[in-house]
C-alpha atoms as a PDB file:
ATOM      1  CA  UNK A   1      65.860-119.642 -96.517  1.00  0.00           C
ATOM      2  CA  UNK A   2      66.040-118.676-100.328  1.00  0.00           C
ATOM      3  CA  UNK A   3      68.136-121.679-101.068  1.00  0.00           C
ATOM      4  CA  UNK A   4      65.467-123.886 -99.548  1.00  0.00           C
ATOM      5  CA  UNK A   5      62.920-122.494-101.675  1.00  0.00           C
ATOM      6  CA  UNK A   6      65.267-123.131-104.784  1.00  0.00           C
ATOM      7  CA  UNK A   7      65.657-126.711-103.911  1.00  0.00           C
ATOM      8  CA  UNK A   8      61.977-126.997-103.333  1.00  0.00           C
ATOM      9  CA  UNK A   9      61.171-125.607-106.649  1.00  0.00           C
ATOM     10  CA  UNK A  10      63.733-128.048-108.267  1.00  0.00           C
ATOM     11  CA  UNK A  11      62.009-130.889-106.445  1.00  0.00           C
ATOM     12  CA  UNK A  12      58.495-129.700-107.764  1.00  0.00           C
ATOM     13  CA  UNK A  13      60.062-129.373-111.156  1.00  0.00           C
ATOM     14  CA  UNK A  14      61.312-132.969-111.017  1.00  0.00           C
ATOM     15  CA  UNK A  15      57.808-134.228-110.056  1.00  0.00           C
ATOM     16  CA  UNK A  16      56.202-132.383-113.020  1.00  0.00           C
ATOM     17  CA  UNK A  17      58.891-133.605-115.451  1.00  0.00           C
ATOM     18  CA  UNK A  18      58.144-137.197-114.716  1.00  0.00           C
ATOM     19  CA  UNK A  19      54.334-136.497-114.500  1.00  0.00           C
ATOM     20  CA  UNK A  20      54.524-135.577-118.171  1.00  0.00           C
ATOM     21  CA  UNK A  21      55.662-139.165-119.321  1.00  0.00           C
ATOM     22  CA  UNK A  22      52.107-140.602-118.888  1.00  0.00           C
ATOM     23  CA  UNK A  23      52.462-143.300-121.594  1.00  0.00           C
ATOM     24  CA  UNK A  24      55.897-144.412-120.116  1.00  0.00           C
ATOM     25  CA  UNK A  25      54.405-144.283-116.596  1.00  0.00           C
ATOM     26  CA  UNK A  26      51.430-146.677-117.877  1.00  0.00           C
ATOM     27  CA  UNK A  27      53.888-148.929-119.536  1.00  0.00           C
ATOM     28  CA  UNK A  28      56.025-149.092-116.402  1.00  0.00           C
ATOM     29  CA  UNK A  29      52.938-149.858-114.128  1.00  0.00           C
ATOM     30  CA  UNK A  30      51.982-152.538-116.545  1.00  0.00           C
ATOM     31  CA  UNK A  31      55.485-153.934-116.639  1.00  0.00           C
ATOM     32  CA  UNK A  32      55.592-154.025-112.826  1.00  0.00           C
ATOM     33  CA  UNK A  33      52.405-155.660-112.566  1.00  0.00           C
ATOM     34  CA  UNK A  34      53.129-158.421-115.002  1.00  0.00           C
ATOM     35  CA  UNK A  35      56.559-159.044-113.357  1.00  0.00           C
ATOM     36  CA  UNK A  36      54.689-158.913-109.875  1.00  0.00           C
ATOM     37  CA  UNK A  37      52.339-161.771-111.097  1.00  0.00           C
ATOM     38  CA  UNK A  38      55.347-163.936-112.325  1.00  0.00           C
ATOM     39  CA  UNK A  39      57.340-163.545-109.053  1.00  0.00           C
ATOM     40  CA  UNK A  40      54.194-163.949-106.843  1.00  0.00           C
ATOM     41  CA  UNK A  41      53.402-167.205-108.221  1.00  0.00           C
ATOM     42  CA  UNK A  42      57.094-168.317-108.158  1.00  0.00           C
ATOM     43  CA  UNK A  43      57.095-167.325-104.603  1.00  0.00           C
ATOM     44  CA  UNK A  44      54.161-169.214-103.803  1.00  0.00           C
ATOM     45  CA  UNK A  45      55.663-172.345-105.342  1.00  0.00           C
ATOM     46  CA  UNK A  46      58.861-171.853-103.521  1.00  0.00           C
ATOM     47  CA  UNK A  47      57.202-171.178-100.070  1.00  0.00           C
ATOM     48  CA  UNK A  48      55.163-174.152-100.639  1.00  0.00           C
ATOM     49  CA  UNK A  49      58.097-176.302-100.865  1.00  0.00           C
ATOM     50  CA  UNK A  50      60.034-174.447 -98.038  1.00  0.00           C
ATOM     51  CA  UNK A  51      57.388-172.774 -95.554  1.00  0.00           C
ATOM     52  CA  UNK A  52      58.898-170.274 -93.321  1.00  0.00           C
ATOM     53  CA  UNK A  53      61.721-169.549 -95.566  1.00  0.00           C
ATOM     54  CA  UNK A  54      63.505-166.583 -94.572  1.00  0.00           C
ATOM     55  CA  UNK A  55      61.478-166.108 -91.623  1.00  0.00           C
ATOM     56  CA  UNK A  56      58.433-165.159 -93.812  1.00  0.00           C
ATOM     57  CA  UNK A  57      55.144-167.003 -94.225  1.00  0.00           C
ATOM     58  CA  UNK A  58      53.733-167.335 -97.750  1.00  0.00           C
ATOM     59  CA  UNK A  59      51.377-164.251 -97.379  1.00  0.00           C
ATOM     60  CA  UNK A  60      54.462-162.183 -96.169  1.00  0.00           C
ATOM     61  CA  UNK A  61      56.673-163.567 -99.122  1.00  0.00           C
ATOM     62  CA  UNK A  62      53.912-162.593-101.648  1.00  0.00           C
ATOM     63  CA  UNK A  63      53.589-159.227 -99.972  1.00  0.00           C
ATOM     64  CA  UNK A  64      57.224-158.742-100.286  1.00  0.00           C
ATOM     65  CA  UNK A  65      56.974-159.354-104.169  1.00  0.00           C
ATOM     66  CA  UNK A  66      54.466-156.419-104.501  1.00  0.00           C
ATOM     67  CA  UNK A  67      56.387-154.178-102.132  1.00  0.00           C
ATOM     68  CA  UNK A  68      59.641-154.723-104.281  1.00  0.00           C
ATOM     69  CA  UNK A  69      57.552-153.969-107.542  1.00  0.00           C
ATOM     70  CA  UNK A  70      56.011-150.916-106.072  1.00  0.00           C
ATOM     71  CA  UNK A  71      59.538-149.688-105.013  1.00  0.00           C
ATOM     72  CA  UNK A  72      61.550-150.567-108.038  1.00  0.00           C
ATOM     73  CA  UNK A  73      61.203-147.240-109.789  1.00  0.00           C
ATOM     74  CA  UNK A  74      60.893-145.147-106.547  1.00  0.00           C
ATOM     75  CA  UNK A  75      64.437-146.280-105.362  1.00  0.00           C
ATOM     76  CA  UNK A  76      65.605-146.608-108.899  1.00  0.00           C
ATOM     77  CA  UNK A  77      67.187-150.055-108.432  1.00  0.00           C
ATOM     78  CA  UNK A  78      67.599-150.247-112.131  1.00  0.00           C
ATOM     79  CA  UNK A  79      68.698-146.644-112.677  1.00  0.00           C
ATOM     80  CA  UNK A  80      66.704-144.268-114.638  1.00  0.00           C
ATOM     81  CA  UNK A  81      66.969-141.195-112.657  1.00  0.00           C
ATOM     82  CA  UNK A  82      69.367-138.151-112.774  1.00  0.00           C
ATOM     83  CA  UNK A  83      72.648-140.072-113.390  1.00  0.00           C
ATOM     84  CA  UNK A  84      72.175-140.495-117.328  1.00  0.00           C
ATOM     85  CA  UNK A  85      71.754-136.626-117.431  1.00  0.00           C
ATOM     86  CA  UNK A  86      74.566-135.956-115.138  1.00  0.00           C
ATOM     87  CA  UNK A  87      77.149-138.191-116.903  1.00  0.00           C
ATOM     88  CA  UNK A  88      75.895-136.760-120.279  1.00  0.00           C
ATOM     89  CA  UNK A  89      76.782-133.367-118.911  1.00  0.00           C
ATOM     90  CA  UNK A  90      80.206-134.491-117.694  1.00  0.00           C
ATOM     91  CA  UNK A  91      81.040-136.179-121.007  1.00  0.00           C
ATOM     92  CA  UNK A  92      80.210-133.021-123.147  1.00  0.00           C
ATOM     93  CA  UNK A  93      81.841-130.743-120.660  1.00  0.00           C
ATOM     94  CA  UNK A  94      78.768-128.741-119.688  1.00  0.00           C
ATOM     95  CA  UNK A  95      79.325-129.837-116.103  1.00  0.00           C
ATOM     96  CA  UNK A  96      81.848-126.789-115.892  1.00  0.00           C
ATOM     97  CA  UNK A  97      78.915-124.511-116.160  1.00  0.00           C
ATOM     98  CA  UNK A  98      77.249-126.248-113.401  1.00  0.00           C
ATOM     99  CA  UNK A  99      80.176-126.240-111.055  1.00  0.00           C
ATOM    100  CA  UNK A 100      80.477-122.319-111.349  1.00  0.00           C
ATOM    101  CA  UNK A 101      76.862-121.771-110.638  1.00  0.00           C
ATOM    102  CA  UNK A 102      76.030-120.397-107.180  1.00  0.00           C
ATOM    103  CA  UNK A 103      74.184-123.654-106.179  1.00  0.00           C
ATOM    104  CA  UNK A 104      75.322-126.765-104.498  1.00  0.00           C
ATOM    105  CA  UNK A 105      75.635-129.403-107.273  1.00  0.00           C
ATOM    106  CA  UNK A 106      74.770-132.361-104.971  1.00  0.00           C
ATOM    107  CA  UNK A 107      71.911-130.658-103.383  1.00  0.00           C
ATOM    108  CA  UNK A 108      70.540-129.699-106.942  1.00  0.00           C
ATOM    109  CA  UNK A 109      70.389-133.177-108.088  1.00  0.00           C
ATOM    110  CA  UNK A 110      69.067-134.651-104.846  1.00  0.00           C
ATOM    111  CA  UNK A 111      66.405-131.983-104.987  1.00  0.00           C
ATOM    112  CA  UNK A 112      65.430-133.199-108.558  1.00  0.00           C
ATOM    113  CA  UNK A 113      65.714-136.962-107.805  1.00  0.00           C
ATOM    114  CA  UNK A 114      63.448-136.485-104.622  1.00  0.00           C
ATOM    115  CA  UNK A 115      60.701-134.943-107.120  1.00  0.00           C
ATOM    116  CA  UNK A 116      61.269-138.084-109.379  1.00  0.00           C
ATOM    117  CA  UNK A 117      61.026-140.301-106.496  1.00  0.00           C
ATOM    118  CA  UNK A 118      57.912-138.688-105.084  1.00  0.00           C
ATOM    119  CA  UNK A 119      56.124-139.070-108.486  1.00  0.00           C
ATOM    120  CA  UNK A 120      57.248-142.718-108.903  1.00  0.00           C
ATOM    121  CA  UNK A 121      55.898-143.561-105.528  1.00  0.00           C
ATOM    122  CA  UNK A 122      52.678-142.158-106.527  1.00  0.00           C
ATOM    123  CA  UNK A 123      52.686-143.092-110.353  1.00  0.00           C
ATOM    124  CA  UNK A 124      54.201-146.450-110.226  1.00  0.00           C
ATOM    125  CA  UNK A 125      54.208-147.665-106.760  1.00  0.00           C
ATOM    126  CA  UNK A 126      50.599-147.681-105.559  1.00  0.00           C
ATOM    127  CA  UNK A 127      48.980-149.265-108.703  1.00  0.00           C
ATOM    128  CA  UNK A 128      50.894-152.672-108.559  1.00  0.00           C
ATOM    129  CA  UNK A 129      50.387-152.886-104.647  1.00  0.00           C
ATOM    130  CA  UNK A 130      46.567-152.382-104.954  1.00  0.00           C
ATOM    131  CA  UNK A 131      46.377-154.896-107.798  1.00  0.00           C
ATOM    132  CA  UNK A 132      48.380-157.329-105.816  1.00  0.00           C
ATOM    133  CA  UNK A 133      45.893-156.797-103.090  1.00  0.00           C
ATOM    134  CA  UNK A 134      43.134-157.757-105.006  1.00  0.00           C
ATOM    135  CA  UNK A 135      44.543-160.951-106.450  1.00  0.00           C
ATOM    136  CA  UNK A 136      46.420-162.341-103.371  1.00  0.00           C
ATOM    137  CA  UNK A 137      46.102-162.259 -99.866  1.00  0.00           C
ATOM    138  CA  UNK A 138      48.704-159.843 -98.802  1.00  0.00           C
ATOM    139  CA  UNK A 139      50.086-159.405 -95.052  1.00  0.00           C
ATOM    140  CA  UNK A 140      49.576-155.685 -95.169  1.00  0.00           C
ATOM    141  CA  UNK A 141      49.391-153.766 -91.798  1.00  0.00           C
ATOM    142  CA  UNK A 142      45.924-152.321 -90.594  1.00  0.00           C
ATOM    143  CA  UNK A 143      47.503-149.548 -88.400  1.00  0.00           C
ATOM    144  CA  UNK A 144      48.645-146.203 -89.877  1.00  0.00           C
ATOM    145  CA  UNK A 145      51.919-146.005 -87.637  1.00  0.00           C
ATOM    146  CA  UNK A 146      53.182-148.936 -89.642  1.00  0.00           C
ATOM    147  CA  UNK A 147      52.549-147.261 -92.928  1.00  0.00           C
ATOM    148  CA  UNK A 148      54.227-144.109 -91.711  1.00  0.00           C
ATOM    149  CA  UNK A 149      57.164-146.049 -90.428  1.00  0.00           C
ATOM    150  CA  UNK A 150      57.342-147.646 -94.091  1.00  0.00           C
ATOM    151  CA  UNK A 151      57.349-144.278 -95.693  1.00  0.00           C
ATOM    152  CA  UNK A 152      60.142-142.924 -93.692  1.00  0.00           C
ATOM    153  CA  UNK A 153      62.155-146.113 -94.415  1.00  0.00           C
ATOM    154  CA  UNK A 154      61.396-145.553 -98.190  1.00  0.00           C
ATOM    155  CA  UNK A 155      62.492-141.794 -97.831  1.00  0.00           C
ATOM    156  CA  UNK A 156      65.782-142.906 -96.276  1.00  0.00           C
ATOM    157  CA  UNK A 157      66.240-145.641 -99.117  1.00  0.00           C
ATOM    158  CA  UNK A 158      65.805-142.934-101.720  1.00  0.00           C
ATOM    159  CA  UNK A 159      68.494-141.043-100.019  1.00  0.00           C
ATOM    160  CA  UNK A 160      70.762-143.898-100.083  1.00  0.00           C
ATOM    161  CA  UNK A 161      69.856-144.826-103.631  1.00  0.00           C
ATOM    162  CA  UNK A 162      70.703-141.108-104.660  1.00  0.00           C
ATOM    163  CA  UNK A 163      73.921-141.248-102.914  1.00  0.00           C
ATOM    164  CA  UNK A 164      75.007-144.336-104.691  1.00  0.00           C
ATOM    165  CA  UNK A 165      73.888-143.163-108.095  1.00  0.00           C
ATOM    166  CA  UNK A 166      75.738-139.926-107.540  1.00  0.00           C
ATOM    167  CA  UNK A 167      78.913-141.681-106.948  1.00  0.00           C
ATOM    168  CA  UNK A 168      78.379-143.714-109.975  1.00  0.00           C
ATOM    169  CA  UNK A 169      77.642-140.584-112.255  1.00  0.00           C
ATOM    170  CA  UNK A 170      80.746-138.875-110.672  1.00  0.00           C
ATOM    171  CA  UNK A 171      82.901-141.709-111.898  1.00  0.00           C
ATOM    172  CA  UNK A 172      82.496-140.487-115.371  1.00  0.00           C
ATOM    173  CA  UNK A 173      85.017-137.669-114.812  1.00  0.00           C
ATOM    174  CA  UNK A 174      87.648-140.326-114.816  1.00  0.00           C
ATOM    175  CA  UNK A 175      86.084-142.978-117.045  1.00  0.00           C
ATOM    176  CA  UNK A 176      84.379-140.431-119.447  1.00  0.00           C
ATOM    177  CA  UNK A 177      81.781-143.186-120.393  1.00  0.00           C
ATOM    178  CA  UNK A 178      80.000-144.185-117.249  1.00  0.00           C
ATOM    179  CA  UNK A 179      77.928-147.051-118.891  1.00  0.00           C
ATOM    180  CA  UNK A 180      80.208-149.648-117.488  1.00  0.00           C
ATOM    181  CA  UNK A 181      80.064-148.273-113.808  1.00  0.00           C
ATOM    182  CA  UNK A 182      76.406-148.017-114.262  1.00  0.00           C
ATOM    183  CA  UNK A 183      75.816-151.476-115.201  1.00  0.00           C
ATOM    184  CA  UNK A 184      77.882-152.964-112.364  1.00  0.00           C
ATOM    185  CA  UNK A 185      75.779-150.722-110.098  1.00  0.00           C
ATOM    186  CA  UNK A 186      72.644-152.123-111.445  1.00  0.00           C
ATOM    187  CA  UNK A 187      73.675-155.531-111.027  1.00  0.00           C
ATOM    188  CA  UNK A 188      74.816-154.862-107.489  1.00  0.00           C
ATOM    189  CA  UNK A 189      71.533-153.359-106.753  1.00  0.00           C
ATOM    190  CA  UNK A 190      69.318-155.869-108.163  1.00  0.00           C
ATOM    191  CA  UNK A 191      71.127-158.608-106.236  1.00  0.00           C
ATOM    192  CA  UNK A 192      71.936-156.938-102.970  1.00  0.00           C
ATOM    193  CA  UNK A 193      68.875-154.885-102.521  1.00  0.00           C
ATOM    194  CA  UNK A 194      66.578-157.789-102.121  1.00  0.00           C
ATOM    195  CA  UNK A 195      64.849-157.139-105.380  1.00  0.00           C
ATOM    196  CA  UNK A 196      65.630-160.504-106.851  1.00  0.00           C
ATOM    197  CA  UNK A 197      65.045-162.532-103.493  1.00  0.00           C
ATOM    198  CA  UNK A 198      64.786-161.475 -99.971  1.00  0.00           C
ATOM    199  CA  UNK A 199      68.181-161.221 -98.375  1.00  0.00           C
ATOM    200  CA  UNK A 200      66.867-163.227 -95.454  1.00  0.00           C
ATOM    201  CA  UNK A 201      67.121-166.304 -97.640  1.00  0.00           C
ATOM    202  CA  UNK A 202      70.463-165.785 -98.423  1.00  0.00           C
ATOM    203  CA  UNK A 203      72.744-168.409 -96.724  1.00  0.00           C
ATOM    204  CA  UNK A 204      75.659-168.093 -94.333  1.00  0.00           C
ATOM    205  CA  UNK A 205      78.380-165.169 -94.863  1.00  0.00           C
ATOM    206  CA  UNK A 206      76.703-164.155 -98.003  1.00  0.00           C
ATOM    207  CA  UNK A 207      73.404-163.251 -96.418  1.00  0.00           C
ATOM    208  CA  UNK A 208      75.228-161.444 -93.262  1.00  0.00           C
ATOM    209  CA  UNK A 209      77.305-159.448 -95.996  1.00  0.00           C
ATOM    210  CA  UNK A 210      74.242-158.496 -98.231  1.00  0.00           C
ATOM    211  CA  UNK A 211      72.185-157.254 -95.120  1.00  0.00           C
ATOM    212  CA  UNK A 212      74.953-154.624 -94.144  1.00  0.00           C
ATOM    213  CA  UNK A 213      75.680-153.419 -97.652  1.00  0.00           C
ATOM    214  CA  UNK A 214      73.931-150.055 -98.494  1.00  0.00           C
ATOM    215  CA  UNK A 215      71.624-151.545-101.177  1.00  0.00           C
ATOM    216  CA  UNK A 216      69.828-153.457 -98.549  1.00  0.00           C
ATOM    217  CA  UNK A 217      68.387-150.196 -97.348  1.00  0.00           C
ATOM    218  CA  UNK A 218      66.529-149.636-100.668  1.00  0.00           C
ATOM    219  CA  UNK A 219      64.059-152.704-100.614  1.00  0.00           C
ATOM    220  CA  UNK A 220      64.690-155.248 -98.105  1.00  0.00           C
ATOM    221  CA  UNK A 221      64.586-152.755 -95.110  1.00  0.00           C
ATOM    222  CA  UNK A 222      61.478-150.877 -96.234  1.00  0.00           C
ATOM    223  CA  UNK A 223      59.707-154.231 -96.924  1.00  0.00           C
ATOM    224  CA  UNK A 224      60.631-155.480 -93.516  1.00  0.00           C
ATOM    225  CA  UNK A 225      59.269-152.384 -91.887  1.00  0.00           C
ATOM    226  CA  UNK A 226      55.888-152.823 -93.696  1.00  0.00           C
ATOM    227  CA  UNK A 227      55.770-156.419 -92.710  1.00  0.00           C
ATOM    228  CA  UNK A 228      56.151-155.606 -89.085  1.00  0.00           C
ATOM    229  CA  UNK A 229      59.475-157.324 -88.821  1.00  0.00           C
ATOM    230  CA  UNK A 230      61.146-154.171 -87.398  1.00  0.00           C
ATOM    231  CA  UNK A 231      59.429-152.561 -84.617  1.00  0.00           C
ATOM    232  CA  UNK A 232      60.463-150.541 -81.361  1.00  0.00           C
ATOM    233  CA  UNK A 233      64.185-150.442 -80.864  1.00  0.00           C
ATOM    234  CA  UNK A 234      64.844-152.508 -83.878  1.00  0.00           C
ATOM    235  CA  UNK A 235      63.047-150.000 -85.983  1.00  0.00           C
ATOM    236  CA  UNK A 236      65.296-147.050 -84.426  1.00  0.00           C
ATOM    237  CA  UNK A 237      68.240-149.293 -85.335  1.00  0.00           C
ATOM    238  CA  UNK A 238      66.971-149.738 -88.879  1.00  0.00           C
ATOM    239  CA  UNK A 239      66.538-146.058 -89.408  1.00  0.00           C
ATOM    240  CA  UNK A 240      70.107-145.388 -87.978  1.00  0.00           C
ATOM    241  CA  UNK A 241      71.547-147.982 -90.392  1.00  0.00           C
ATOM    242  CA  UNK A 242      69.841-146.344 -93.356  1.00  0.00           C
ATOM    243  CA  UNK A 243      70.884-142.741 -92.285  1.00  0.00           C
ATOM    244  CA  UNK A 244      74.385-143.943 -91.588  1.00  0.00           C
ATOM    245  CA  UNK A 245      74.783-145.214 -95.073  1.00  0.00           C
ATOM    246  CA  UNK A 246      73.223-142.024 -96.401  1.00  0.00           C
ATOM    247  CA  UNK A 247      75.337-139.788 -94.518  1.00  0.00           C
ATOM    248  CA  UNK A 248      78.605-141.578 -95.419  1.00  0.00           C
ATOM    249  CA  UNK A 249      77.883-142.111 -98.967  1.00  0.00           C
ATOM    250  CA  UNK A 250      76.821-138.349 -99.323  1.00  0.00           C
ATOM    251  CA  UNK A 251      80.224-137.248 -97.706  1.00  0.00           C
ATOM    252  CA  UNK A 252      81.977-139.498 -99.923  1.00  0.00           C
ATOM    253  CA  UNK A 253      80.057-137.888-102.997  1.00  0.00           C
ATOM    254  CA  UNK A 254      81.156-134.430-101.880  1.00  0.00           C
ATOM    255  CA  UNK A 255      85.060-135.479-101.568  1.00  0.00           C
ATOM    256  CA  UNK A 256      84.540-137.091-105.146  1.00  0.00           C
ATOM    257  CA  UNK A 257      82.853-134.116-106.213  1.00  0.00           C
ATOM    258  CA  UNK A 258      85.656-131.746-104.881  1.00  0.00           C
ATOM    259  CA  UNK A 259      88.294-133.802-106.594  1.00  0.00           C
ATOM    260  CA  UNK A 260      86.381-133.795-109.847  1.00  0.00           C
ATOM    261  CA  UNK A 261      85.903-129.748-109.530  1.00  0.00           C
ATOM    262  CA  UNK A 262      89.841-129.538-109.029  1.00  0.00           C
ATOM    263  CA  UNK A 263      90.201-131.651-112.150  1.00  0.00           C
ATOM    264  CA  UNK A 264      88.005-129.400-114.053  1.00  0.00           C
ATOM    265  CA  UNK A 265      89.864-126.264-112.821  1.00  0.00           C
ATOM    266  CA  UNK A 266      93.130-127.414-113.626  1.00  0.00           C
ATOM    267  CA  UNK A 267      92.088-128.646-117.145  1.00  0.00           C
ATOM    268  CA  UNK A 268      90.167-125.339-117.772  1.00  0.00           C
ATOM    269  CA  UNK A 269      93.481-123.493-116.687  1.00  0.00           C
END
């Protein structure tokens, strides 16, 4: 019970930490809104030429744009979460102190990242969506249950995102400078999450591959839930898909963490 209170305090601290960056948050909201406008008009032109592309009508496609902009910082598609700090602690050797603390390293960073994601959802996720709703005709659900299902998908997406970025950060134990691995992860995230284009429009085998990779759980899956594309048993399969990737990647992260801990112990000895 005491451990849960500790991690809850860490999550609250993560929320407060990002809440202090008010200018950065305002700049992020502005950037998301501008890019949302550019993408929305691009999608409108594309769907004018190809109606029904990817199984979406034009209103759904424009809604997809604003959902993506709202989730960009929440699921940290381009990074910007805990991983920079963790990589720096690995590089400097301060991670040895963390590994000897009587707390779980993975759970600590997960709690901190959960607080970050909660703030980004409120601080940078809501305003672009509201703005998009004023400017465009969006295909937003009218019932509360769909919104609740969407928030569950977002929470699972944050968990998958954390698991991916945790593995990326731990790679610094072997590469020392994690910048290269981070850049590759960002590129993969932008392409395979559906942030650039909905994965439904990817052709053939590429589309099938993209939809089963973990990055699809970040943007494509929550967007489809909000658009009403996944309901009933399909919604349960969607949650199972996200949860399976989260559990698998978190377990892999623990294995890598254990290997890294043995490495630190050996070097320290």
